[in-house]
Protein backbone atom coordinates (compact mmCIF):
# COMPACT_ATOMS: atom_id res chain seq x y z
CA UNK A 1 6.07 -10.83 -7.78
CA UNK A 2 8.66 -13.51 -8.54
CA UNK A 3 8.76 -15.31 -11.89
CA UNK A 4 9.32 -18.58 -10.02
CA UNK A 5 5.88 -18.50 -8.43
CA UNK A 6 2.54 -18.40 -10.20
CA UNK A 7 0.48 -15.27 -9.54
CA UNK A 8 -2.75 -15.90 -7.67
CA UNK A 9 -4.76 -12.88 -8.81
CA UNK A 10 -7.23 -13.13 -5.94
CA UNK A 11 -4.55 -13.52 -3.24
CA UNK A 12 -4.70 -10.67 -0.75
CA UNK A 13 -1.86 -8.19 -0.37
CA UNK A 14 -1.25 -5.63 2.33
CA UNK A 15 0.78 -2.80 0.82
CA UNK A 16 2.66 -0.45 3.15
CA UNK A 17 4.20 2.95 2.58
CA UNK A 18 5.19 5.78 4.89
CA UNK A 19 4.45 9.44 4.27
CA UNK A 20 5.51 12.74 5.83
CA UNK A 21 2.10 13.75 7.24
CA UNK A 22 -1.58 12.85 7.54
CA UNK A 23 -2.66 15.08 4.66
CA UNK A 24 -0.28 13.37 2.22
CA UNK A 25 -1.44 9.97 3.51
CA UNK A 26 -5.13 10.87 3.13
CA UNK A 27 -4.59 12.15 -0.41
CA UNK A 28 -2.77 8.96 -1.41
CA UNK A 29 -5.39 6.78 0.32
CA UNK A 30 -8.23 8.52 -1.51
CA UNK A 31 -6.45 8.02 -4.83
CA UNK A 32 -6.03 4.32 -4.12
CA UNK A 33 -9.72 3.91 -3.26
CA UNK A 34 -11.08 6.04 -6.12
CA UNK A 35 -8.81 4.24 -8.58
CA UNK A 36 -9.99 0.81 -7.37
CA UNK A 37 -6.43 -0.10 -6.43
CA UNK A 38 -7.34 -0.87 -2.81
CA UNK A 39 -10.52 -1.87 -0.99
CA UNK A 40 -9.48 -0.33 2.32
CA UNK A 41 -6.66 1.93 3.44
CA UNK A 42 -5.72 2.45 7.06
CA UNK A 43 -3.59 5.38 8.23
CA UNK A 44 -1.52 5.23 11.41
CA UNK A 45 -0.22 8.61 12.52
CA UNK A 46 2.67 9.25 14.85
CA UNK A 47 5.23 6.63 13.89
CA UNK A 48 8.86 7.48 14.54
CA UNK A 49 11.32 6.55 11.79
CA UNK A 50 15.09 6.44 12.11
CA UNK A 51 16.98 5.76 8.91
CA UNK A 52 20.13 6.57 6.97
CA UNK A 53 19.68 8.80 3.91
CA UNK A 54 22.50 10.12 1.76
CA UNK A 55 25.07 9.26 4.40
CA UNK A 56 23.41 10.79 7.44
CA UNK A 57 21.16 9.40 10.15
CA UNK A 58 17.71 10.98 10.08
CA UNK A 59 14.84 10.94 12.57
CA UNK A 60 11.37 11.84 11.38
CA UNK A 61 7.77 11.59 12.45
CA UNK A 62 5.85 9.84 9.72
CA UNK A 63 2.46 8.37 8.91
CA UNK A 64 2.08 4.71 7.91
CA UNK A 65 -0.39 3.82 5.19
CA UNK A 66 -1.64 0.22 4.90
CA UNK A 67 -3.68 -0.68 1.80
CA UNK A 68 -5.63 -3.92 1.35
CA UNK A 69 -5.67 -5.14 -2.24
CA UNK A 70 -5.09 -8.25 -4.36
CA UNK A 71 -1.97 -9.56 -6.06
CA UNK A 72 -3.45 -8.73 -9.47
CA UNK A 73 -3.24 -5.02 -8.56
CA UNK A 74 0.44 -5.09 -7.45
CA UNK A 75 1.95 -3.50 -10.56
CA UNK A 76 -0.73 -0.79 -10.71
CA UNK A 77 -0.70 0.05 -7.01
CA UNK A 78 3.10 0.16 -6.77
CA UNK A 79 3.31 2.38 -9.88
CA UNK A 80 0.59 4.69 -8.53
CA UNK A 81 2.34 5.07 -5.18
CA UNK A 82 5.72 5.68 -6.82
CA UNK A 83 4.27 8.31 -9.19
CA UNK A 84 2.23 10.21 -6.60
CA UNK A 85 4.42 9.87 -3.50
CA UNK A 86 6.20 13.00 -2.21
CA UNK A 87 9.45 11.13 -1.38
CA UNK A 88 12.25 10.59 -3.91
CA UNK A 89 12.46 6.93 -2.89
CA UNK A 90 9.21 5.79 -1.26
CA UNK A 91 8.96 2.66 0.83
CA UNK A 92 6.59 0.31 -1.01
CA UNK A 93 6.29 -3.11 0.61
CA UNK A 94 3.72 -5.82 0.03
CA UNK A 95 2.90 -8.74 2.29
CA UNK A 96 0.56 -11.65 1.63
CA UNK A 97 -1.27 -12.88 4.71
CA UNK A 98 -1.21 -16.66 4.92
CA UNK A 99 -4.67 -16.73 6.45
CA UNK A 100 -7.60 -14.34 6.25
CA UNK A 101 -11.34 -14.58 6.70
CA UNK A 102 -12.90 -15.76 3.44
CA UNK A 103 -15.73 -13.21 3.29
CA UNK A 104 -13.25 -10.36 3.89
CA UNK A 105 -11.07 -11.65 1.05
CA UNK A 106 -14.06 -11.80 -1.28
CA UNK A 107 -15.02 -8.24 -0.32
CA UNK A 108 -11.49 -6.93 -1.06
CA UNK A 109 -11.48 -8.72 -4.40
CA UNK A 110 -14.92 -7.39 -5.37
CA UNK A 111 -13.95 -3.82 -4.42
CA UNK A 112 -10.71 -3.68 -6.40
CA UNK A 113 -12.48 -5.26 -9.40
CA UNK A 114 -15.51 -2.94 -9.16
CA UNK A 115 -16.22 -0.70 -12.13
CA UNK A 116 -17.95 2.03 -10.07
């Protein structure tokens, strides 16, 4: 993340990206899980996005993907999403929850660090 802050490799991240349809979201989610980049991926269908692209206002139905991972996986997960995403410029945002249940955090960490 920023060079001014030390990286806490076990700190949880929630990584968001939007995709054009459920099939694209499922394919990306499976890749994240199989590649041990995320412990859990949730897919929310039916979001409405309004944005400006190449000078015109667009309205699209999209699918939101939310992946639970750790800060140590940020570079890998963002690169994977960028390289496999169908959009020219994918939204890739990461948020660190200030609080989360300790056992859940340990589970996420063990899953992304699993060698299976």
